[in-house]
PDB file of N, CA and C in Angstrom:
ATOM      1  N   MET A   1       2.786  34.056  12.401  1.00  0.00           N
ATOM      2  CA  MET A   1       1.511  33.418  12.164  1.00  0.00           C
ATOM      3  C   MET A   1       1.502  32.045  12.835  1.00  0.00           C
ATOM      4  N   SER A   2       0.343  31.552  13.126  1.00  0.00           N
ATOM      5  CA  SER A   2       0.218  30.290  13.851  1.00  0.00           C
ATOM      6  C   SER A   2       0.210  29.100  12.904  1.00  0.00           C
ATOM      7  N   ASN A   3       0.200  27.878  13.495  1.00  0.00           N
ATOM      8  CA  ASN A   3       0.106  26.652  12.712  1.00  0.00           C
ATOM      9  C   ASN A   3      -1.237  26.522  12.005  1.00  0.00           C
ATOM     10  N   GLN A   4      -2.199  27.345  12.325  1.00  0.00           N
ATOM     11  CA  GLN A   4      -3.523  27.277  11.719  1.00  0.00           C
ATOM     12  C   GLN A   4      -3.627  28.164  10.483  1.00  0.00           C
ATOM     13  N   THR A   5      -2.517  28.701   9.998  1.00  0.00           N
ATOM     14  CA  THR A   5      -2.524  29.559   8.830  1.00  0.00           C
ATOM     15  C   THR A   5      -2.927  28.766   7.589  1.00  0.00           C
ATOM     16  N   ALA A   6      -3.793  29.344   6.779  1.00  0.00           N
ATOM     17  CA  ALA A   6      -4.236  28.680   5.550  1.00  0.00           C
ATOM     18  C   ALA A   6      -3.162  28.801   4.468  1.00  0.00           C
ATOM     19  N   THR A   7      -2.997  27.741   3.689  1.00  0.00           N
ATOM     20  CA  THR A   7      -2.069  27.759   2.563  1.00  0.00           C
ATOM     21  C   THR A   7      -2.799  28.291   1.348  1.00  0.00           C
ATOM     22  N   LYS A   8      -2.101  28.405   0.185  1.00  0.00           N
ATOM     23  CA  LYS A   8      -2.753  28.902  -1.017  1.00  0.00           C
ATOM     24  C   LYS A   8      -3.888  28.015  -1.471  1.00  0.00           C
ATOM     25  N   GLU A   9      -3.879  26.739  -1.120  1.00  0.00           N
ATOM     26  CA  GLU A   9      -4.961  25.841  -1.515  1.00  0.00           C
ATOM     27  C   GLU A   9      -6.132  25.929  -0.539  1.00  0.00           C
ATOM     28  N   ASN A  10      -6.066  26.875   0.407  1.00  0.00           N
ATOM     29  CA  ASN A  10      -7.118  27.055   1.396  1.00  0.00           C
ATOM     30  C   ASN A  10      -7.256  25.849   2.311  1.00  0.00           C
ATOM     31  N   THR A  11      -6.148  25.184   2.592  1.00  0.00           N
ATOM     32  CA  THR A  11      -6.111  24.043   3.490  1.00  0.00           C
ATOM     33  C   THR A  11      -5.294  24.441   4.713  1.00  0.00           C
ATOM     34  N   LEU A  12      -5.792  24.128   5.897  1.00  0.00           N
ATOM     35  CA  LEU A  12      -5.040  24.434   7.101  1.00  0.00           C
ATOM     36  C   LEU A  12      -3.787  23.572   7.165  1.00  0.00           C
ATOM     37  N   VAL A  13      -2.716  24.157   7.683  1.00  0.00           N
ATOM     38  CA  VAL A  13      -1.482  23.407   7.858  1.00  0.00           C
ATOM     39  C   VAL A  13      -1.787  22.210   8.753  1.00  0.00           C
ATOM     40  N   GLY A  14      -1.419  21.018   8.297  1.00  0.00           N
ATOM     41  CA  GLY A  14      -1.723  19.797   9.034  1.00  0.00           C
ATOM     42  C   GLY A  14      -3.104  19.254   8.702  1.00  0.00           C
ATOM     43  N   GLY A  15      -3.870  19.987   7.907  1.00  0.00           N
ATOM     44  CA  GLY A  15      -5.205  19.547   7.515  1.00  0.00           C
ATOM     45  C   GLY A  15      -5.161  18.742   6.220  1.00  0.00           C
ATOM     46  N   TRP A  16      -6.293  18.174   5.869  1.00  0.00           N
ATOM     47  CA  TRP A  16      -6.412  17.378   4.645  1.00  0.00           C
ATOM     48  C   TRP A  16      -6.682  18.295   3.458  1.00  0.00           C
ATOM     49  N   THR A  17      -6.099  17.962   2.313  1.00  0.00           N
ATOM     50  CA  THR A  17      -6.413  18.661   1.074  1.00  0.00           C
ATOM     51  C   THR A  17      -7.780  18.186   0.591  1.00  0.00           C
ATOM     52  N   ALA A  18      -8.331  18.870  -0.383  1.00  0.00           N
ATOM     53  CA  ALA A  18      -9.543  18.394  -1.053  1.00  0.00           C
ATOM     54  C   ALA A  18      -9.155  17.190  -1.915  1.00  0.00           C
ATOM     55  N   TYR A  19     -10.129  16.335  -2.221  1.00  0.00           N
ATOM     56  CA  TYR A  19      -9.848  15.219  -3.129  1.00  0.00           C
ATOM     57  C   TYR A  19      -9.511  15.777  -4.507  1.00  0.00           C
ATOM     58  N   ARG A  20      -8.565  15.117  -5.177  1.00  0.00           N
ATOM     59  CA  ARG A  20      -8.093  15.542  -6.495  1.00  0.00           C
ATOM     60  C   ARG A  20      -7.722  14.311  -7.306  1.00  0.00           C
ATOM     61  N   PRO A  21      -7.508  14.486  -8.621  1.00  0.00           N
ATOM     62  CA  PRO A  21      -7.046  13.354  -9.432  1.00  0.00           C
ATOM     63  C   PRO A  21      -5.661  12.893  -8.970  1.00  0.00           C
ATOM     64  N   LEU A  22      -5.347  11.618  -9.205  1.00  0.00           N
ATOM     65  CA  LEU A  22      -4.068  11.050  -8.789  1.00  0.00           C
ATOM     66  C   LEU A  22      -2.936  11.473  -9.717  1.00  0.00           C
ATOM     67  N   THR A  23      -1.759  11.655  -9.123  1.00  0.00           N
ATOM     68  CA  THR A  23      -0.532  11.861  -9.896  1.00  0.00           C
ATOM     69  C   THR A  23       0.166  10.509 -10.011  1.00  0.00           C
ATOM     70  N   ALA A  24       1.224  10.468 -10.801  1.00  0.00           N
ATOM     71  CA  ALA A  24       2.018   9.236 -10.925  1.00  0.00           C
ATOM     72  C   ALA A  24       2.613   8.862  -9.568  1.00  0.00           C
ATOM     73  N   GLU A  25       3.020   9.847  -8.770  1.00  0.00           N
ATOM     74  CA  GLU A  25       3.594   9.581  -7.438  1.00  0.00           C
ATOM     75  C   GLU A  25       2.539   8.974  -6.509  1.00  0.00           C
ATOM     76  N   ASP A  26       1.310   9.505  -6.554  1.00  0.00           N
ATOM     77  CA  ASP A  26       0.223   8.959  -5.737  1.00  0.00           C
ATOM     78  C   ASP A  26      -0.023   7.495  -6.095  1.00  0.00           C
ATOM     79  N   LYS A  27      -0.076   7.199  -7.389  1.00  0.00           N
ATOM     80  CA  LYS A  27      -0.319   5.832  -7.856  1.00  0.00           C
ATOM     81  C   LYS A  27       0.794   4.892  -7.388  1.00  0.00           C
ATOM     82  N   ALA A  28       2.040   5.376  -7.412  1.00  0.00           N
ATOM     83  CA  ALA A  28       3.171   4.554  -6.976  1.00  0.00           C
ATOM     84  C   ALA A  28       3.063   4.228  -5.484  1.00  0.00           C
ATOM     85  N   VAL A  29       2.667   5.203  -4.670  1.00  0.00           N
ATOM     86  CA  VAL A  29       2.491   4.972  -3.223  1.00  0.00           C
ATOM     87  C   VAL A  29       1.392   3.932  -3.009  1.00  0.00           C
ATOM     88  N   PHE A  30       0.263   4.094  -3.709  1.00  0.00           N
ATOM     89  CA  PHE A  30      -0.860   3.167  -3.587  1.00  0.00           C
ATOM     90  C   PHE A  30      -0.433   1.746  -3.958  1.00  0.00           C
ATOM     91  N   GLU A  31       0.228   1.600  -5.095  1.00  0.00           N
ATOM     92  CA  GLU A  31       0.644   0.276  -5.558  1.00  0.00           C
ATOM     93  C   GLU A  31       1.645  -0.374  -4.611  1.00  0.00           C
ATOM     94  N   GLU A  32       2.585   0.411  -4.076  1.00  0.00           N
ATOM     95  CA  GLU A  32       3.567  -0.151  -3.145  1.00  0.00           C
ATOM     96  C   GLU A  32       2.897  -0.622  -1.856  1.00  0.00           C
ATOM     97  N   ALA A  33       1.958   0.166  -1.344  1.00  0.00           N
ATOM     98  CA  ALA A  33       1.277  -0.189  -0.091  1.00  0.00           C
ATOM     99  C   ALA A  33       0.393  -1.428  -0.269  1.00  0.00           C
ATOM    100  N   LEU A  34      -0.217  -1.600  -1.442  1.00  0.00           N
ATOM    101  CA  LEU A  34      -1.114  -2.733  -1.663  1.00  0.00           C
ATOM    102  C   LEU A  34      -0.423  -3.919  -2.335  1.00  0.00           C
ATOM    103  N   ASN A  35       0.871  -3.847  -2.528  1.00  0.00           N
ATOM    104  CA  ASN A  35       1.618  -4.950  -3.124  1.00  0.00           C
ATOM    105  C   ASN A  35       1.435  -6.210  -2.279  1.00  0.00           C
ATOM    106  N   GLY A  36       0.918  -7.269  -2.896  1.00  0.00           N
ATOM    107  CA  GLY A  36       0.703  -8.524  -2.185  1.00  0.00           C
ATOM    108  C   GLY A  36      -0.663  -8.625  -1.530  1.00  0.00           C
ATOM    109  N   PHE A  37      -1.450  -7.553  -1.571  1.00  0.00           N
ATOM    110  CA  PHE A  37      -2.795  -7.569  -0.991  1.00  0.00           C
ATOM    111  C   PHE A  37      -3.688  -8.440  -1.867  1.00  0.00           C
ATOM    112  N   VAL A  38      -4.396  -9.383  -1.279  1.00  0.00           N
ATOM    113  CA  VAL A  38      -5.235 -10.303  -2.054  1.00  0.00           C
ATOM    114  C   VAL A  38      -6.689 -10.218  -1.614  1.00  0.00           C
ATOM    115  N   GLY A  39      -7.569 -10.643  -2.499  1.00  0.00           N
ATOM    116  CA  GLY A  39      -8.999 -10.675  -2.188  1.00  0.00           C
ATOM    117  C   GLY A  39      -9.730  -9.600  -2.949  1.00  0.00           C
ATOM    118  N   VAL A  40      -9.868  -8.440  -2.330  1.00  0.00           N
ATOM    119  CA  VAL A  40     -10.587  -7.323  -2.940  1.00  0.00           C
ATOM    120  C   VAL A  40      -9.629  -6.553  -3.849  1.00  0.00           C
ATOM    121  N   ILE A  41     -10.146  -6.141  -5.000  1.00  0.00           N
ATOM    122  CA  ILE A  41      -9.363  -5.299  -5.907  1.00  0.00           C
ATOM    123  C   ILE A  41      -9.820  -3.857  -5.702  1.00  0.00           C
ATOM    124  N   TYR A  42      -8.882  -2.994  -5.316  1.00  0.00           N
ATOM    125  CA  TYR A  42      -9.160  -1.573  -5.108  1.00  0.00           C
ATOM    126  C   TYR A  42      -8.562  -0.781  -6.262  1.00  0.00           C
ATOM    127  N   THR A  43      -9.387   0.064  -6.869  1.00  0.00           N
ATOM    128  CA  THR A  43      -8.938   0.923  -7.964  1.00  0.00           C
ATOM    129  C   THR A  43      -9.071   2.371  -7.514  1.00  0.00           C
ATOM    130  N   PRO A  44      -7.937   3.061  -7.290  1.00  0.00           N
ATOM    131  CA  PRO A  44      -8.001   4.442  -6.802  1.00  0.00           C
ATOM    132  C   PRO A  44      -8.540   5.392  -7.869  1.00  0.00           C
ATOM    133  N   GLU A  45      -9.407   6.308  -7.443  1.00  0.00           N
ATOM    134  CA  GLU A  45      -9.994   7.268  -8.375  1.00  0.00           C
ATOM    135  C   GLU A  45      -9.649   8.712  -8.023  1.00  0.00           C
ATOM    136  N   GLN A  46      -9.547   9.002  -6.721  1.00  0.00           N
ATOM    137  CA  GLN A  46      -9.173  10.333  -6.249  1.00  0.00           C
ATOM    138  C   GLN A  46      -8.361  10.172  -4.973  1.00  0.00           C
ATOM    139  N   VAL A  47      -7.650  11.245  -4.596  1.00  0.00           N
ATOM    140  CA  VAL A  47      -6.830  11.196  -3.384  1.00  0.00           C
ATOM    141  C   VAL A  47      -6.858  12.537  -2.661  1.00  0.00           C
ATOM    142  N   ALA A  48      -6.782  12.463  -1.335  1.00  0.00           N
ATOM    143  CA  ALA A  48      -6.574  13.632  -0.475  1.00  0.00           C
ATOM    144  C   ALA A  48      -5.333  13.313   0.351  1.00  0.00           C
ATOM    145  N   THR A  49      -4.575  14.337   0.698  1.00  0.00           N
ATOM    146  CA  THR A  49      -3.346  14.105   1.464  1.00  0.00           C
ATOM    147  C   THR A  49      -3.287  15.015   2.684  1.00  0.00           C
ATOM    148  N   GLN A  50      -2.462  14.581   3.643  1.00  0.00           N
ATOM    149  CA  GLN A  50      -2.209  15.341   4.863  1.00  0.00           C
ATOM    150  C   GLN A  50      -0.735  15.178   5.181  1.00  0.00           C
ATOM    151  N   VAL A  51      -0.025  16.284   5.268  1.00  0.00           N
ATOM    152  CA  VAL A  51       1.399  16.234   5.598  1.00  0.00           C
ATOM    153  C   VAL A  51       1.534  16.213   7.113  1.00  0.00           C
ATOM    154  N   VAL A  52       2.217  15.175   7.611  1.00  0.00           N
ATOM    155  CA  VAL A  52       2.514  15.014   9.032  1.00  0.00           C
ATOM    156  C   VAL A  52       4.003  14.696   9.097  1.00  0.00           C
ATOM    157  N   ALA A  53       4.456  13.812   9.947  1.00  0.00           N
ATOM    158  CA  ALA A  53       5.842  13.340   9.918  1.00  0.00           C
ATOM    159  C   ALA A  53       5.866  12.225   8.873  1.00  0.00           C
ATOM    160  N   GLY A  54       5.679  12.621   7.622  1.00  0.00           N
ATOM    161  CA  GLY A  54       5.432  11.740   6.498  1.00  0.00           C
ATOM    162  C   GLY A  54       4.177  12.271   5.819  1.00  0.00           C
ATOM    163  N   THR A  55       3.478  11.421   5.099  1.00  0.00           N
ATOM    164  CA  THR A  55       2.249  11.842   4.428  1.00  0.00           C
ATOM    165  C   THR A  55       1.159  10.804   4.616  1.00  0.00           C
ATOM    166  N   ASN A  56      -0.024  11.260   5.023  1.00  0.00           N
ATOM    167  CA  ASN A  56      -1.208  10.409   5.055  1.00  0.00           C
ATOM    168  C   ASN A  56      -1.938  10.585   3.736  1.00  0.00           C
ATOM    169  N   TYR A  57      -2.432   9.485   3.188  1.00  0.00           N
ATOM    170  CA  TYR A  57      -3.206   9.499   1.945  1.00  0.00           C
ATOM    171  C   TYR A  57      -4.570   8.894   2.218  1.00  0.00           C
ATOM    172  N   ARG A  58      -5.603   9.483   1.640  1.00  0.00           N
ATOM    173  CA  ARG A  58      -6.948   8.895   1.624  1.00  0.00           C
ATOM    174  C   ARG A  58      -7.326   8.721   0.160  1.00  0.00           C
ATOM    175  N   PHE A  59      -7.341   7.477  -0.265  1.00  0.00           N
ATOM    176  CA  PHE A  59      -7.694   7.173  -1.646  1.00  0.00           C
ATOM    177  C   PHE A  59      -9.163   6.776  -1.720  1.00  0.00           C
ATOM    178  N   LYS A  60      -9.954   7.497  -2.528  1.00  0.00           N
ATOM    179  CA  LYS A  60     -11.326   7.086  -2.836  1.00  0.00           C
ATOM    180  C   LYS A  60     -11.202   6.047  -3.935  1.00  0.00           C
ATOM    181  N   CYS A  61     -11.725   4.853  -3.678  1.00  0.00           N
ATOM    182  CA  CYS A  61     -11.545   3.746  -4.611  1.00  0.00           C
ATOM    183  C   CYS A  61     -12.877   3.101  -4.983  1.00  0.00           C
ATOM    184  N   SER A  62     -12.881   2.454  -6.133  1.00  0.00           N
ATOM    185  CA  SER A  62     -13.940   1.495  -6.423  1.00  0.00           C
ATOM    186  C   SER A  62     -13.354   0.149  -6.016  1.00  0.00           C
ATOM    187  N   ALA A  63     -14.204  -0.741  -5.524  1.00  0.00           N
ATOM    188  CA  ALA A  63     -13.725  -2.020  -5.009  1.00  0.00           C
ATOM    189  C   ALA A  63     -14.614  -3.144  -5.513  1.00  0.00           C
ATOM    190  N   SER A  64     -14.003  -4.302  -5.725  1.00  0.00           N
ATOM    191  CA  SER A  64     -14.766  -5.477  -6.167  1.00  0.00           C
ATOM    192  C   SER A  64     -13.993  -6.741  -5.813  1.00  0.00           C
ATOM    193  N   VAL A  65     -14.745  -7.850  -5.802  1.00  0.00           N
ATOM    194  CA  VAL A  65     -14.143  -9.164  -5.583  1.00  0.00           C
ATOM    195  C   VAL A  65     -14.456  -9.998  -6.821  1.00  0.00           C
ATOM    196  N   PRO A  66     -13.486 -10.174  -7.711  1.00  0.00           N
ATOM    197  CA  PRO A  66     -13.748 -10.968  -8.910  1.00  0.00           C
ATOM    198  C   PRO A  66     -14.079 -12.400  -8.535  1.00  0.00           C
ATOM    199  N   PRO A  67     -14.922 -13.083  -9.254  1.00  0.00           N
ATOM    200  CA  PRO A  67     -15.509 -12.690 -10.536  1.00  0.00           C
ATOM    201  C   PRO A  67     -16.832 -11.953 -10.397  1.00  0.00           C
ATOM    202  N   SER A  68     -17.221 -11.531  -9.222  1.00  0.00           N
ATOM    203  CA  SER A  68     -18.491 -10.832  -9.011  1.00  0.00           C
ATOM    204  C   SER A  68     -18.502  -9.489  -9.736  1.00  0.00           C
ATOM    205  N   ASP A  69     -19.675  -9.099 -10.189  1.00  0.00           N
ATOM    206  CA  ASP A  69     -19.835  -7.796 -10.835  1.00  0.00           C
ATOM    207  C   ASP A  69     -20.209  -6.709  -9.833  1.00  0.00           C
ATOM    208  N   VAL A  70     -20.325  -7.057  -8.564  1.00  0.00           N
ATOM    209  CA  VAL A  70     -20.692  -6.084  -7.532  1.00  0.00           C
ATOM    210  C   VAL A  70     -19.502  -5.147  -7.278  1.00  0.00           C
ATOM    211  N   VAL A  71     -19.786  -3.851  -7.330  1.00  0.00           N
ATOM    212  CA  VAL A  71     -18.748  -2.836  -7.104  1.00  0.00           C
ATOM    213  C   VAL A  71     -19.254  -1.881  -6.027  1.00  0.00           C
ATOM    214  N   TRP A  72     -18.378  -1.490  -5.112  1.00  0.00           N
ATOM    215  CA  TRP A  72     -18.721  -0.517  -4.082  1.00  0.00           C
ATOM    216  C   TRP A  72     -17.589   0.473  -3.949  1.00  0.00           C
ATOM    217  N   GLU A  73     -17.832   1.524  -3.188  1.00  0.00           N
ATOM    218  CA  GLU A  73     -16.801   2.530  -2.936  1.00  0.00           C
ATOM    219  C   GLU A  73     -16.146   2.260  -1.588  1.00  0.00           C
ATOM    220  N   ALA A  74     -14.886   2.629  -1.496  1.00  0.00           N
ATOM    221  CA  ALA A  74     -14.147   2.463  -0.243  1.00  0.00           C
ATOM    222  C   ALA A  74     -13.091   3.560  -0.137  1.00  0.00           C
ATOM    223  N   ILE A  75     -12.697   3.842   1.090  1.00  0.00           N
ATOM    224  CA  ILE A  75     -11.579   4.747   1.355  1.00  0.00           C
ATOM    225  C   ILE A  75     -10.433   3.884   1.858  1.00  0.00           C
ATOM    226  N   VAL A  76      -9.305   3.954   1.179  1.00  0.00           N
ATOM    227  CA  VAL A  76      -8.103   3.244   1.605  1.00  0.00           C
ATOM    228  C   VAL A  76      -7.139   4.300   2.142  1.00  0.00           C
ATOM    229  N   GLU A  77      -6.842   4.221   3.442  1.00  0.00           N
ATOM    230  CA  GLU A  77      -5.912   5.161   4.061  1.00  0.00           C
ATOM    231  C   GLU A  77      -4.529   4.526   4.121  1.00  0.00           C
ATOM    232  N   ILE A  78      -3.547   5.281   3.667  1.00  0.00           N
ATOM    233  CA  ILE A  78      -2.161   4.806   3.601  1.00  0.00           C
ATOM    234  C   ILE A  78      -1.263   5.850   4.242  1.00  0.00           C
ATOM    235  N   PHE A  79      -0.251   5.386   4.973  1.00  0.00           N
ATOM    236  CA  PHE A  79       0.753   6.285   5.546  1.00  0.00           C
ATOM    237  C   PHE A  79       2.074   6.062   4.830  1.00  0.00           C
ATOM    238  N   GLN A  80       2.663   7.140   4.327  1.00  0.00           N
ATOM    239  CA  GLN A  80       3.985   7.117   3.696  1.00  0.00           C
ATOM    240  C   GLN A  80       4.959   7.799   4.643  1.00  0.00           C
ATOM    241  N   PRO A  81       5.851   7.022   5.293  1.00  0.00           N
ATOM    242  CA  PRO A  81       6.820   7.635   6.200  1.00  0.00           C
ATOM    243  C   PRO A  81       7.789   8.565   5.456  1.00  0.00           C
ATOM    244  N   LEU A  82       8.514   9.347   6.207  1.00  0.00           N
ATOM    245  CA  LEU A  82       9.555  10.189   5.621  1.00  0.00           C
ATOM    246  C   LEU A  82      10.592   9.309   4.918  1.00  0.00           C
ATOM    247  N   PRO A  83      11.319   9.857   3.937  1.00  0.00           N
ATOM    248  CA  PRO A  83      12.340   9.072   3.232  1.00  0.00           C
ATOM    249  C   PRO A  83      13.313   8.405   4.203  1.00  0.00           C
ATOM    250  N   GLY A  84      13.598   7.137   3.960  1.00  0.00           N
ATOM    251  CA  GLY A  84      14.510   6.378   4.798  1.00  0.00           C
ATOM    252  C   GLY A  84      13.877   5.824   6.060  1.00  0.00           C
ATOM    253  N   GLN A  85      12.587   6.073   6.274  1.00  0.00           N
ATOM    254  CA  GLN A  85      11.908   5.642   7.492  1.00  0.00           C
ATOM    255  C   GLN A  85      11.012   4.420   7.285  1.00  0.00           C
ATOM    256  N   GLY A  86      10.966   3.887   6.076  1.00  0.00           N
ATOM    257  CA  GLY A  86      10.135   2.723   5.815  1.00  0.00           C
ATOM    258  C   GLY A  86       9.286   2.888   4.576  1.00  0.00           C
ATOM    259  N   LYS A  87       8.486   1.867   4.315  1.00  0.00           N
ATOM    260  CA  LYS A  87       7.643   1.837   3.126  1.00  0.00           C
ATOM    261  C   LYS A  87       6.223   2.273   3.472  1.00  0.00           C
ATOM    262  N   PRO A  88       5.474   2.726   2.445  1.00  0.00           N
ATOM    263  CA  PRO A  88       4.070   3.066   2.702  1.00  0.00           C
ATOM    264  C   PRO A  88       3.290   1.819   3.099  1.00  0.00           C
ATOM    265  N   HIS A  89       2.307   1.998   3.982  1.00  0.00           N
ATOM    266  CA  HIS A  89       1.509   0.852   4.425  1.00  0.00           C
ATOM    267  C   HIS A  89       0.053   1.264   4.658  1.00  0.00           C
ATOM    268  N   ILE A  90      -0.831   0.276   4.565  1.00  0.00           N
ATOM    269  CA  ILE A  90      -2.255   0.511   4.771  1.00  0.00           C
ATOM    270  C   ILE A  90      -2.503   0.790   6.247  1.00  0.00           C
ATOM    271  N   VAL A  91      -3.266   1.844   6.526  1.00  0.00           N
ATOM    272  CA  VAL A  91      -3.663   2.182   7.885  1.00  0.00           C
ATOM    273  C   VAL A  91      -5.076   1.661   8.134  1.00  0.00           C
ATOM    274  N   SER A  92      -5.968   1.863   7.158  1.00  0.00           N
ATOM    275  CA  SER A  92      -7.337   1.392   7.297  1.00  0.00           C
ATOM    276  C   SER A  92      -8.013   1.332   5.938  1.00  0.00           C
ATOM    277  N   ILE A  93      -9.073   0.523   5.875  1.00  0.00           N
ATOM    278  CA  ILE A  93      -9.919   0.457   4.691  1.00  0.00           C
ATOM    279  C   ILE A  93     -11.356   0.561   5.192  1.00  0.00           C
ATOM    280  N   THR A  94     -12.104   1.528   4.651  1.00  0.00           N
ATOM    281  CA  THR A  94     -13.471   1.758   5.079  1.00  0.00           C
ATOM    282  C   THR A  94     -14.415   1.634   3.883  1.00  0.00           C
ATOM    283  N   LYS A  95     -15.374   0.716   3.997  1.00  0.00           N
ATOM    284  CA  LYS A  95     -16.383   0.567   2.950  1.00  0.00           C
ATOM    285  C   LYS A  95     -17.384   1.707   3.092  1.00  0.00           C
ATOM    286  N   LEU A  96     -17.707   2.360   1.985  1.00  0.00           N
ATOM    287  CA  LEU A  96     -18.680   3.467   2.026  1.00  0.00           C
ATOM    288  C   LEU A  96     -20.060   2.973   1.671  1.00  0.00           C
TER     289      LEU A  96
END
């Protein structure tokens, strides 16, 4: 079978999963990548992943800048390298 074979979750190999609730592992990756990030507060609500040479994460977040009550949605993309290859880091942040 080719690399385009669908998995049991109906996701193509190398493709993105559907958004789902976060696991404890997802939350740990998010917190490590945003450690020391200042200004906007991002609160992850759902995540989609893509397995590559490591893992790409797309976190759907609510975002705000305290003390303002204004809240918007954003996608925070994070790359988690393979074990021993480095720490997770922010790739991009997109305001929706």
